[in-house]
Amino acid sequence: MGRKKKKQMKPWCWYCNREFDDEKILIQHQKAKHFKCHICYKKLYTGPGLAIHCMQVHKEKIDKVPNSLPGRNNTEIEIYGMEGIPEEDVKAHEKNKSKKTSD
């Protein structure tokens, strides 16, 4: 008997809690669902990038990330894929996943 290998956590979207098979698909999802300009449909890389784009190009202020869960729509948090997710949210997600798998 060997050691039990720790299961690798799948990449997941902080804005909507959806899981993905790999980080490239997660980034495509974020660009299409959360970081797309509602005026010109340009796909950007981050929430702050979207806010800056809308302000500079369209003179419109964006105060929340579109299609996101309540409390997770902050445009000031710079998240790209799995990078930039607040540590407490990562831990809460891991705890949630381990609780579901043990049930």
PDB file of N, CA and C in Angstrom:
ATOM      1  N   MET A   1       0.836  -1.193   0.000  1.00  0.00           N
ATOM      2  CA  MET A   1       0.000   0.000   0.000  1.00  0.00           C
ATOM      3  C   MET A   1       0.874   1.247   0.000  1.00  0.00           C
ATOM      4  N   GLY A   2       0.624   2.106  -0.919  1.00  0.00           N
ATOM      5  CA  GLY A   2       1.357   3.364  -0.968  1.00  0.00           C
ATOM      6  C   GLY A   2       0.544   4.472  -0.332  1.00  0.00           C
ATOM      7  N   ARG A   3       1.115   5.642  -0.382  1.00  0.00           N
ATOM      8  CA  ARG A   3       0.396   6.809   0.143  1.00  0.00           C
ATOM      9  C   ARG A   3      -0.739   7.188  -0.783  1.00  0.00           C
ATOM     10  N   LYS A   4      -1.767   7.737  -0.184  1.00  0.00           N
ATOM     11  CA  LYS A   4      -2.886   8.220  -0.976  1.00  0.00           C
ATOM     12  C   LYS A   4      -2.478   9.546  -1.611  1.00  0.00           C
ATOM     13  N   LYS A   5      -2.593   9.607  -2.923  1.00  0.00           N
ATOM     14  CA  LYS A   5      -2.197  10.810  -3.646  1.00  0.00           C
ATOM     15  C   LYS A   5      -3.266  11.893  -3.467  1.00  0.00           C
ATOM     16  N   LYS A   6      -2.831  13.095  -3.149  1.00  0.00           N
ATOM     17  CA  LYS A   6      -3.766  14.203  -2.985  1.00  0.00           C
ATOM     18  C   LYS A   6      -4.356  14.549  -4.345  1.00  0.00           C
ATOM     19  N   LYS A   7      -5.669  14.587  -4.410  1.00  0.00           N
ATOM     20  CA  LYS A   7      -6.344  14.863  -5.669  1.00  0.00           C
ATOM     21  C   LYS A   7      -6.137  16.323  -6.071  1.00  0.00           C
ATOM     22  N   GLN A   8      -5.739  16.503  -7.312  1.00  0.00           N
ATOM     23  CA  GLN A   8      -5.513  17.847  -7.848  1.00  0.00           C
ATOM     24  C   GLN A   8      -6.860  18.550  -8.022  1.00  0.00           C
ATOM     25  N   MET A   9      -6.949  19.785  -7.548  1.00  0.00           N
ATOM     26  CA  MET A   9      -8.181  20.547  -7.670  1.00  0.00           C
ATOM     27  C   MET A   9      -8.337  21.068  -9.102  1.00  0.00           C
ATOM     28  N   LYS A  10      -9.544  20.939  -9.644  1.00  0.00           N
ATOM     29  CA  LYS A  10      -9.805  21.444 -10.995  1.00  0.00           C
ATOM     30  C   LYS A  10      -9.851  22.969 -10.964  1.00  0.00           C
ATOM     31  N   PRO A  11      -9.436  23.607 -12.072  1.00  0.00           N
ATOM     32  CA  PRO A  11      -9.576  25.069 -12.136  1.00  0.00           C
ATOM     33  C   PRO A  11     -11.058  25.448 -12.062  1.00  0.00           C
ATOM     34  N   TRP A  12     -11.352  26.550 -11.407  1.00  0.00           N
ATOM     35  CA  TRP A  12     -12.738  26.993 -11.267  1.00  0.00           C
ATOM     36  C   TRP A  12     -12.810  28.514 -11.375  1.00  0.00           C
ATOM     37  N   CYS A  13     -13.977  28.979 -11.812  1.00  0.00           N
ATOM     38  CA  CYS A  13     -14.193  30.414 -12.009  1.00  0.00           C
ATOM     39  C   CYS A  13     -14.656  31.038 -10.692  1.00  0.00           C
ATOM     40  N   TRP A  14     -13.905  32.017 -10.218  1.00  0.00           N
ATOM     41  CA  TRP A  14     -14.238  32.701  -8.973  1.00  0.00           C
ATOM     42  C   TRP A  14     -15.557  33.469  -9.101  1.00  0.00           C
ATOM     43  N   TYR A  15     -15.852  33.964 -10.286  1.00  0.00           N
ATOM     44  CA  TYR A  15     -17.039  34.795 -10.489  1.00  0.00           C
ATOM     45  C   TYR A  15     -18.347  33.997 -10.465  1.00  0.00           C
ATOM     46  N   CYS A  16     -18.337  32.745 -10.973  1.00  0.00           N
ATOM     47  CA  CYS A  16     -19.588  31.985 -11.050  1.00  0.00           C
ATOM     48  C   CYS A  16     -19.498  30.579 -10.457  1.00  0.00           C
ATOM     49  N   ASN A  17     -18.339  30.202  -9.909  1.00  0.00           N
ATOM     50  CA  ASN A  17     -18.117  28.907  -9.245  1.00  0.00           C
ATOM     51  C   ASN A  17     -18.154  27.700 -10.181  1.00  0.00           C
ATOM     52  N   ARG A  18     -18.052  27.909 -11.479  1.00  0.00           N
ATOM     53  CA  ARG A  18     -18.069  26.796 -12.429  1.00  0.00           C
ATOM     54  C   ARG A  18     -16.682  26.169 -12.530  1.00  0.00           C
ATOM     55  N   GLU A  19     -16.625  24.832 -12.625  1.00  0.00           N
ATOM     56  CA  GLU A  19     -15.347  24.121 -12.739  1.00  0.00           C
ATOM     57  C   GLU A  19     -15.024  23.807 -14.191  1.00  0.00           C
ATOM     58  N   PHE A  20     -13.720  23.714 -14.484  1.00  0.00           N
ATOM     59  CA  PHE A  20     -13.244  23.450 -15.837  1.00  0.00           C
ATOM     60  C   PHE A  20     -12.167  22.376 -15.812  1.00  0.00           C
ATOM     61  N   ASP A  21     -11.963  21.727 -16.963  1.00  0.00           N
ATOM     62  CA  ASP A  21     -10.952  20.670 -17.046  1.00  0.00           C
ATOM     63  C   ASP A  21      -9.540  21.226 -17.067  1.00  0.00           C
ATOM     64  N   ASP A  22      -9.351  22.395 -17.695  1.00  0.00           N
ATOM     65  CA  ASP A  22      -8.029  23.024 -17.621  1.00  0.00           C
ATOM     66  C   ASP A  22      -8.136  24.543 -17.634  1.00  0.00           C
ATOM     67  N   GLU A  23      -7.032  25.190 -17.292  1.00  0.00           N
ATOM     68  CA  GLU A  23      -7.047  26.639 -17.077  1.00  0.00           C
ATOM     69  C   GLU A  23      -7.258  27.431 -18.367  1.00  0.00           C
ATOM     70  N   LYS A  24      -6.856  26.882 -19.514  1.00  0.00           N
ATOM     71  CA  LYS A  24      -7.070  27.588 -20.786  1.00  0.00           C
ATOM     72  C   LYS A  24      -8.558  27.752 -21.064  1.00  0.00           C
ATOM     73  N   ILE A  25      -9.326  26.713 -20.776  1.00  0.00           N
ATOM     74  CA  ILE A  25     -10.778  26.780 -20.978  1.00  0.00           C
ATOM     75  C   ILE A  25     -11.396  27.762 -19.986  1.00  0.00           C
ATOM     76  N   LEU A  26     -10.890  27.778 -18.763  1.00  0.00           N
ATOM     77  CA  LEU A  26     -11.348  28.740 -17.749  1.00  0.00           C
ATOM     78  C   LEU A  26     -11.119  30.171 -18.228  1.00  0.00           C
ATOM     79  N   ILE A  27      -9.934  30.453 -18.773  1.00  0.00           N
ATOM     80  CA  ILE A  27      -9.615  31.804 -19.249  1.00  0.00           C
ATOM     81  C   ILE A  27     -10.529  32.190 -20.414  1.00  0.00           C
ATOM     82  N   GLN A  28     -10.794  31.253 -21.333  1.00  0.00           N
ATOM     83  CA  GLN A  28     -11.725  31.526 -22.439  1.00  0.00           C
ATOM     84  C   GLN A  28     -13.110  31.861 -21.887  1.00  0.00           C
ATOM     85  N   HIS A  29     -13.551  31.103 -20.891  1.00  0.00           N
ATOM     86  CA  HIS A  29     -14.851  31.339 -20.254  1.00  0.00           C
ATOM     87  C   HIS A  29     -14.905  32.735 -19.630  1.00  0.00           C
ATOM     88  N   GLN A  30     -13.845  33.098 -18.880  1.00  0.00           N
ATOM     89  CA  GLN A  30     -13.827  34.405 -18.222  1.00  0.00           C
ATOM     90  C   GLN A  30     -13.877  35.530 -19.248  1.00  0.00           C
ATOM     91  N   LYS A  31     -13.124  35.398 -20.327  1.00  0.00           N
ATOM     92  CA  LYS A  31     -13.125  36.433 -21.364  1.00  0.00           C
ATOM     93  C   LYS A  31     -14.495  36.550 -22.029  1.00  0.00           C
ATOM     94  N   ALA A  32     -15.160  35.418 -22.261  1.00  0.00           N
ATOM     95  CA  ALA A  32     -16.443  35.425 -22.960  1.00  0.00           C
ATOM     96  C   ALA A  32     -17.615  35.822 -22.063  1.00  0.00           C
ATOM     97  N   LYS A  33     -17.601  35.387 -20.813  1.00  0.00           N
ATOM     98  CA  LYS A  33     -18.752  35.609 -19.927  1.00  0.00           C
ATOM     99  C   LYS A  33     -18.606  36.797 -18.980  1.00  0.00           C
ATOM    100  N   HIS A  34     -17.406  37.035 -18.489  1.00  0.00           N
ATOM    101  CA  HIS A  34     -17.248  38.033 -17.433  1.00  0.00           C
ATOM    102  C   HIS A  34     -16.481  39.281 -17.868  1.00  0.00           C
ATOM    103  N   PHE A  35     -15.613  39.161 -18.860  1.00  0.00           N
ATOM    104  CA  PHE A  35     -14.769  40.298 -19.240  1.00  0.00           C
ATOM    105  C   PHE A  35     -15.069  40.803 -20.643  1.00  0.00           C
ATOM    106  N   LYS A  36     -16.313  40.625 -21.131  1.00  0.00           N
ATOM    107  CA  LYS A  36     -16.672  41.089 -22.466  1.00  0.00           C
ATOM    108  C   LYS A  36     -17.418  42.418 -22.358  1.00  0.00           C
ATOM    109  N   CYS A  37     -16.975  43.397 -23.147  1.00  0.00           N
ATOM    110  CA  CYS A  37     -17.614  44.718 -23.157  1.00  0.00           C
ATOM    111  C   CYS A  37     -19.029  44.588 -23.720  1.00  0.00           C
ATOM    112  N   HIS A  38     -20.003  45.129 -23.008  1.00  0.00           N
ATOM    113  CA  HIS A  38     -21.397  45.030 -23.441  1.00  0.00           C
ATOM    114  C   HIS A  38     -21.747  46.013 -24.555  1.00  0.00           C
ATOM    115  N   ILE A  39     -20.828  46.930 -24.867  1.00  0.00           N
ATOM    116  CA  ILE A  39     -21.085  47.922 -25.910  1.00  0.00           C
ATOM    117  C   ILE A  39     -20.484  47.482 -27.246  1.00  0.00           C
ATOM    118  N   CYS A  40     -19.176  47.168 -27.251  1.00  0.00           N
ATOM    119  CA  CYS A  40     -18.499  46.804 -28.504  1.00  0.00           C
ATOM    120  C   CYS A  40     -18.141  45.319 -28.577  1.00  0.00           C
ATOM    121  N   TYR A  41     -18.438  44.560 -27.520  1.00  0.00           N
ATOM    122  CA  TYR A  41     -18.207  43.112 -27.444  1.00  0.00           C
ATOM    123  C   TYR A  41     -16.736  42.701 -27.501  1.00  0.00           C
ATOM    124  N   LYS A  42     -15.849  43.627 -27.182  1.00  0.00           N
ATOM    125  CA  LYS A  42     -14.428  43.286 -27.100  1.00  0.00           C
ATOM    126  C   LYS A  42     -14.212  42.415 -25.863  1.00  0.00           C
ATOM    127  N   LYS A  43     -13.395  41.365 -26.036  1.00  0.00           N
ATOM    128  CA  LYS A  43     -13.082  40.472 -24.915  1.00  0.00           C
ATOM    129  C   LYS A  43     -11.782  40.923 -24.277  1.00  0.00           C
ATOM    130  N   LEU A  44     -11.842  41.180 -22.969  1.00  0.00           N
ATOM    131  CA  LEU A  44     -10.660  41.627 -22.240  1.00  0.00           C
ATOM    132  C   LEU A  44     -10.188  40.529 -21.295  1.00  0.00           C
ATOM    133  N   TYR A  45      -9.064  40.757 -20.621  1.00  0.00           N
ATOM    134  CA  TYR A  45      -8.439  39.710 -19.814  1.00  0.00           C
ATOM    135  C   TYR A  45      -8.787  39.745 -18.329  1.00  0.00           C
ATOM    136  N   THR A  46      -9.163  40.918 -17.791  1.00  0.00           N
ATOM    137  CA  THR A  46      -9.451  41.026 -16.358  1.00  0.00           C
ATOM    138  C   THR A  46     -10.611  41.995 -16.116  1.00  0.00           C
ATOM    139  N   GLY A  47     -11.166  41.945 -14.905  1.00  0.00           N
ATOM    140  CA  GLY A  47     -12.225  42.876 -14.509  1.00  0.00           C
ATOM    141  C   GLY A  47     -11.765  44.327 -14.533  1.00  0.00           C
ATOM    142  N   PRO A  48     -10.587  44.624 -13.924  1.00  0.00           N
ATOM    143  CA  PRO A  48     -10.094  46.002 -13.996  1.00  0.00           C
ATOM    144  C   PRO A  48      -9.843  46.447 -15.441  1.00  0.00           C
ATOM    145  N   GLY A  49      -9.394  45.521 -16.287  1.00  0.00           N
ATOM    146  CA  GLY A  49      -9.176  45.835 -17.707  1.00  0.00           C
ATOM    147  C   GLY A  49     -10.475  46.225 -18.384  1.00  0.00           C
ATOM    148  N   LEU A  50     -11.557  45.520 -18.056  1.00  0.00           N
ATOM    149  CA  LEU A  50     -12.876  45.829 -18.611  1.00  0.00           C
ATOM    150  C   LEU A  50     -13.349  47.200 -18.138  1.00  0.00           C
ATOM    151  N   ALA A  51     -13.166  47.484 -16.853  1.00  0.00           N
ATOM    152  CA  ALA A  51     -13.591  48.776 -16.294  1.00  0.00           C
ATOM    153  C   ALA A  51     -12.828  49.930 -16.945  1.00  0.00           C
ATOM    154  N   ILE A  52     -11.515  49.765 -17.113  1.00  0.00           N
ATOM    155  CA  ILE A  52     -10.688  50.803 -17.740  1.00  0.00           C
ATOM    156  C   ILE A  52     -11.088  50.987 -19.200  1.00  0.00           C
ATOM    157  N   HIS A  53     -11.294  49.885 -19.924  1.00  0.00           N
ATOM    158  CA  HIS A  53     -11.705  49.947 -21.330  1.00  0.00           C
ATOM    159  C   HIS A  53     -13.008  50.737 -21.467  1.00  0.00           C
ATOM    160  N   CYS A  54     -14.017  50.395 -20.664  1.00  0.00           N
ATOM    161  CA  CYS A  54     -15.319  51.068 -20.760  1.00  0.00           C
ATOM    162  C   CYS A  54     -15.214  52.554 -20.432  1.00  0.00           C
ATOM    163  N   MET A  55     -14.370  52.891 -19.459  1.00  0.00           N
ATOM    164  CA  MET A  55     -14.198  54.291 -19.075  1.00  0.00           C
ATOM    165  C   MET A  55     -13.478  55.078 -20.179  1.00  0.00           C
ATOM    166  N   GLN A  56     -12.387  54.534 -20.699  1.00  0.00           N
ATOM    167  CA  GLN A  56     -11.587  55.266 -21.684  1.00  0.00           C
ATOM    168  C   GLN A  56     -12.228  55.297 -23.070  1.00  0.00           C
ATOM    169  N   VAL A  57     -12.790  54.186 -23.506  1.00  0.00           N
ATOM    170  CA  VAL A  57     -13.314  54.092 -24.869  1.00  0.00           C
ATOM    171  C   VAL A  57     -14.756  54.583 -24.962  1.00  0.00           C
ATOM    172  N   HIS A  58     -15.592  54.191 -24.016  1.00  0.00           N
ATOM    173  CA  HIS A  58     -17.021  54.495 -24.106  1.00  0.00           C
ATOM    174  C   HIS A  58     -17.487  55.552 -23.108  1.00  0.00           C
ATOM    175  N   LYS A  59     -16.596  56.045 -22.246  1.00  0.00           N
ATOM    176  CA  LYS A  59     -16.923  57.044 -21.211  1.00  0.00           C
ATOM    177  C   LYS A  59     -18.062  56.557 -20.312  1.00  0.00           C
ATOM    178  N   GLU A  60     -18.036  55.255 -20.019  1.00  0.00           N
ATOM    179  CA  GLU A  60     -19.068  54.664 -19.168  1.00  0.00           C
ATOM    180  C   GLU A  60     -18.404  53.939 -18.002  1.00  0.00           C
ATOM    181  N   LYS A  61     -18.920  54.186 -16.794  1.00  0.00           N
ATOM    182  CA  LYS A  61     -18.338  53.558 -15.600  1.00  0.00           C
ATOM    183  C   LYS A  61     -19.004  52.203 -15.354  1.00  0.00           C
ATOM    184  N   ILE A  62     -18.165  51.194 -15.172  1.00  0.00           N
ATOM    185  CA  ILE A  62     -18.664  49.849 -14.850  1.00  0.00           C
ATOM    186  C   ILE A  62     -18.317  49.588 -13.396  1.00  0.00           C
ATOM    187  N   ASP A  63     -19.312  49.254 -12.578  1.00  0.00           N
ATOM    188  CA  ASP A  63     -19.033  49.049 -11.154  1.00  0.00           C
ATOM    189  C   ASP A  63     -19.076  47.585 -10.733  1.00  0.00           C
ATOM    190  N   LYS A  64     -19.489  46.685 -11.653  1.00  0.00           N
ATOM    191  CA  LYS A  64     -19.462  45.259 -11.311  1.00  0.00           C
ATOM    192  C   LYS A  64     -19.201  44.397 -12.544  1.00  0.00           C
ATOM    193  N   VAL A  65     -18.628  43.225 -12.287  1.00  0.00           N
ATOM    194  CA  VAL A  65     -18.319  42.276 -13.356  1.00  0.00           C
ATOM    195  C   VAL A  65     -19.621  41.587 -13.768  1.00  0.00           C
ATOM    196  N   PRO A  66     -19.933  41.555 -15.078  1.00  0.00           N
ATOM    197  CA  PRO A  66     -21.182  40.933 -15.524  1.00  0.00           C
ATOM    198  C   PRO A  66     -21.225  39.421 -15.278  1.00  0.00           C
ATOM    199  N   ASN A  67     -22.430  38.887 -15.140  1.00  0.00           N
ATOM    200  CA  ASN A  67     -22.691  37.447 -14.984  1.00  0.00           C
ATOM    201  C   ASN A  67     -21.949  36.820 -13.811  1.00  0.00           C
ATOM    202  N   SER A  68     -21.838  37.543 -12.710  1.00  0.00           N
ATOM    203  CA  SER A  68     -21.118  37.004 -11.552  1.00  0.00           C
ATOM    204  C   SER A  68     -22.064  36.844 -10.361  1.00  0.00           C
ATOM    205  N   LEU A  69     -21.646  35.996  -9.432  1.00  0.00           N
ATOM    206  CA  LEU A  69     -22.430  35.762  -8.223  1.00  0.00           C
ATOM    207  C   LEU A  69     -22.438  37.010  -7.341  1.00  0.00           C
ATOM    208  N   PRO A  70     -23.488  37.198  -6.537  1.00  0.00           N
ATOM    209  CA  PRO A  70     -23.506  38.335  -5.609  1.00  0.00           C
ATOM    210  C   PRO A  70     -22.302  38.287  -4.671  1.00  0.00           C
ATOM    211  N   GLY A  71     -21.651  39.416  -4.508  1.00  0.00           N
ATOM    212  CA  GLY A  71     -20.468  39.495  -3.654  1.00  0.00           C
ATOM    213  C   GLY A  71     -19.180  39.153  -4.382  1.00  0.00           C
ATOM    214  N   ARG A  72     -19.287  38.677  -5.607  1.00  0.00           N
ATOM    215  CA  ARG A  72     -18.092  38.325  -6.387  1.00  0.00           C
ATOM    216  C   ARG A  72     -18.031  39.143  -7.680  1.00  0.00           C
ATOM    217  N   ASN A  73     -18.584  40.338  -7.633  1.00  0.00           N
ATOM    218  CA  ASN A  73     -18.652  41.151  -8.837  1.00  0.00           C
ATOM    219  C   ASN A  73     -17.749  42.383  -8.774  1.00  0.00           C
ATOM    220  N   ASN A  74     -16.750  42.354  -7.919  1.00  0.00           N
ATOM    221  CA  ASN A  74     -15.843  43.484  -7.719  1.00  0.00           C
ATOM    222  C   ASN A  74     -14.914  43.650  -8.921  1.00  0.00           C
ATOM    223  N   THR A  75     -14.917  44.842  -9.530  1.00  0.00           N
ATOM    224  CA  THR A  75     -14.055  45.087 -10.697  1.00  0.00           C
ATOM    225  C   THR A  75     -12.628  45.435 -10.301  1.00  0.00           C
ATOM    226  N   GLU A  76     -12.360  45.620  -9.012  1.00  0.00           N
ATOM    227  CA  GLU A  76     -11.006  45.994  -8.593  1.00  0.00           C
ATOM    228  C   GLU A  76     -10.100  44.798  -8.325  1.00  0.00           C
ATOM    229  N   ILE A  77     -10.670  43.615  -8.155  1.00  0.00           N
ATOM    230  CA  ILE A  77      -9.851  42.419  -7.920  1.00  0.00           C
ATOM    231  C   ILE A  77      -9.372  41.902  -9.272  1.00  0.00           C
ATOM    232  N   GLU A  78      -8.060  41.830  -9.438  1.00  0.00           N
ATOM    233  CA  GLU A  78      -7.482  41.396 -10.714  1.00  0.00           C
ATOM    234  C   GLU A  78      -7.317  39.875 -10.720  1.00  0.00           C
ATOM    235  N   ILE A  79      -8.247  39.214 -11.406  1.00  0.00           N
ATOM    236  CA  ILE A  79      -8.228  37.751 -11.497  1.00  0.00           C
ATOM    237  C   ILE A  79      -8.062  37.363 -12.957  1.00  0.00           C
ATOM    238  N   TYR A  80      -7.092  36.478 -13.201  1.00  0.00           N
ATOM    239  CA  TYR A  80      -6.847  35.947 -14.544  1.00  0.00           C
ATOM    240  C   TYR A  80      -6.694  34.439 -14.404  1.00  0.00           C
ATOM    241  N   GLY A  81      -7.674  33.692 -14.859  1.00  0.00           N
ATOM    242  CA  GLY A  81      -7.649  32.245 -14.647  1.00  0.00           C
ATOM    243  C   GLY A  81      -7.792  31.960 -13.163  1.00  0.00           C
ATOM    244  N   MET A  82      -6.806  31.245 -12.600  1.00  0.00           N
ATOM    245  CA  MET A  82      -6.817  30.942 -11.166  1.00  0.00           C
ATOM    246  C   MET A  82      -5.955  31.923 -10.372  1.00  0.00           C
ATOM    247  N   GLU A  83      -5.263  32.816 -11.056  1.00  0.00           N
ATOM    248  CA  GLU A  83      -4.385  33.769 -10.374  1.00  0.00           C
ATOM    249  C   GLU A  83      -5.184  34.952  -9.843  1.00  0.00           C
ATOM    250  N   GLY A  84      -4.871  35.355  -8.633  1.00  0.00           N
ATOM    251  CA  GLY A  84      -5.496  36.536  -8.048  1.00  0.00           C
ATOM    252  C   GLY A  84      -6.731  36.251  -7.213  1.00  0.00           C
ATOM    253  N   ILE A  85      -7.141  34.990  -7.147  1.00  0.00           N
ATOM    254  CA  ILE A  85      -8.310  34.645  -6.333  1.00  0.00           C
ATOM    255  C   ILE A  85      -7.935  34.811  -4.860  1.00  0.00           C
ATOM    256  N   PRO A  86      -8.765  35.521  -4.077  1.00  0.00           N
ATOM    257  CA  PRO A  86      -8.461  35.695  -2.652  1.00  0.00           C
ATOM    258  C   PRO A  86      -8.266  34.347  -1.949  1.00  0.00           C
ATOM    259  N   GLU A  87      -7.229  34.260  -1.124  1.00  0.00           N
ATOM    260  CA  GLU A  87      -6.833  33.005  -0.459  1.00  0.00           C
ATOM    261  C   GLU A  87      -7.971  32.376   0.344  1.00  0.00           C
ATOM    262  N   GLU A  88      -8.751  33.213   1.046  1.00  0.00           N
ATOM    263  CA  GLU A  88      -9.843  32.655   1.858  1.00  0.00           C
ATOM    264  C   GLU A  88     -10.909  31.994   0.983  1.00  0.00           C
ATOM    265  N   ASP A  89     -11.111  32.509  -0.241  1.00  0.00           N
ATOM    266  CA  ASP A  89     -12.083  31.905  -1.153  1.00  0.00           C
ATOM    267  C   ASP A  89     -11.573  30.579  -1.713  1.00  0.00           C
ATOM    268  N   VAL A  90     -10.265  30.488  -1.965  1.00  0.00           N
ATOM    269  CA  VAL A  90      -9.662  29.232  -2.430  1.00  0.00           C
ATOM    270  C   VAL A  90      -9.839  28.163  -1.354  1.00  0.00           C
ATOM    271  N   LYS A  91      -9.547  28.519  -0.111  1.00  0.00           N
ATOM    272  CA  LYS A  91      -9.677  27.569   1.001  1.00  0.00           C
ATOM    273  C   LYS A  91     -11.134  27.143   1.195  1.00  0.00           C
ATOM    274  N   ALA A  92     -12.057  28.091   1.091  1.00  0.00           N
ATOM    275  CA  ALA A  92     -13.479  27.776   1.245  1.00  0.00           C
ATOM    276  C   ALA A  92     -13.943  26.837   0.133  1.00  0.00           C
ATOM    277  N   HIS A  93     -13.457  27.068  -1.090  1.00  0.00           N
ATOM    278  CA  HIS A  93     -13.823  26.211  -2.222  1.00  0.00           C
ATOM    279  C   HIS A  93     -13.288  24.792  -2.018  1.00  0.00           C
ATOM    280  N   GLU A  94     -12.034  24.680  -1.582  1.00  0.00           N
ATOM    281  CA  GLU A  94     -11.426  23.364  -1.321  1.00  0.00           C
ATOM    282  C   GLU A  94     -12.200  22.619  -0.229  1.00  0.00           C
ATOM    283  N   LYS A  95     -12.561  23.340   0.819  1.00  0.00           N
ATOM    284  CA  LYS A  95     -13.308  22.753   1.938  1.00  0.00           C
ATOM    285  C   LYS A  95     -14.670  22.246   1.453  1.00  0.00           C
ATOM    286  N   ASN A  96     -15.328  23.047   0.636  1.00  0.00           N
ATOM    287  CA  ASN A  96     -16.622  22.689   0.064  1.00  0.00           C
ATOM    288  C   ASN A  96     -16.522  21.427  -0.784  1.00  0.00           C
ATOM    289  N   LYS A  97     -15.476  21.358  -1.613  1.00  0.00           N
ATOM    290  CA  LYS A  97     -15.280  20.209  -2.501  1.00  0.00           C
ATOM    291  C   LYS A  97     -15.006  18.945  -1.691  1.00  0.00           C
ATOM    292  N   SER A  98     -14.154  19.063  -0.669  1.00  0.00           N
ATOM    293  CA  SER A  98     -13.823  17.879   0.133  1.00  0.00           C
ATOM    294  C   SER A  98     -15.043  17.405   0.928  1.00  0.00           C
ATOM    295  N   LYS A  99     -15.889  18.333   1.333  1.00  0.00           N
ATOM    296  CA  LYS A  99     -17.112  17.977   2.061  1.00  0.00           C
ATOM    297  C   LYS A  99     -18.066  17.212   1.132  1.00  0.00           C
ATOM    298  N   LYS A 100     -18.184  17.657  -0.134  1.00  0.00           N
ATOM    299  CA  LYS A 100     -19.076  17.002  -1.094  1.00  0.00           C
ATOM    300  C   LYS A 100     -18.580  15.611  -1.467  1.00  0.00           C
ATOM    301  N   THR A 101     -17.261  15.440  -1.606  1.00  0.00           N
ATOM    302  CA  THR A 101     -16.717  14.132  -1.990  1.00  0.00           C
ATOM    303  C   THR A 101     -16.785  13.125  -0.849  1.00  0.00           C
ATOM    304  N   SER A 102     -16.782  13.595   0.387  1.00  0.00           N
ATOM    305  CA  SER A 102     -16.844  12.670   1.530  1.00  0.00           C
ATOM    306  C   SER A 102     -18.274  12.238   1.857  1.00  0.00           C
ATOM    307  N   ASP A 103     -19.266  12.955   1.329  1.00  0.00           N
ATOM    308  CA  ASP A 103     -20.682  12.601   1.594  1.00  0.00           C
ATOM    309  C   ASP A 103     -21.114  11.374   0.830  1.00  0.00           C
TER     310      ASP A 103
END
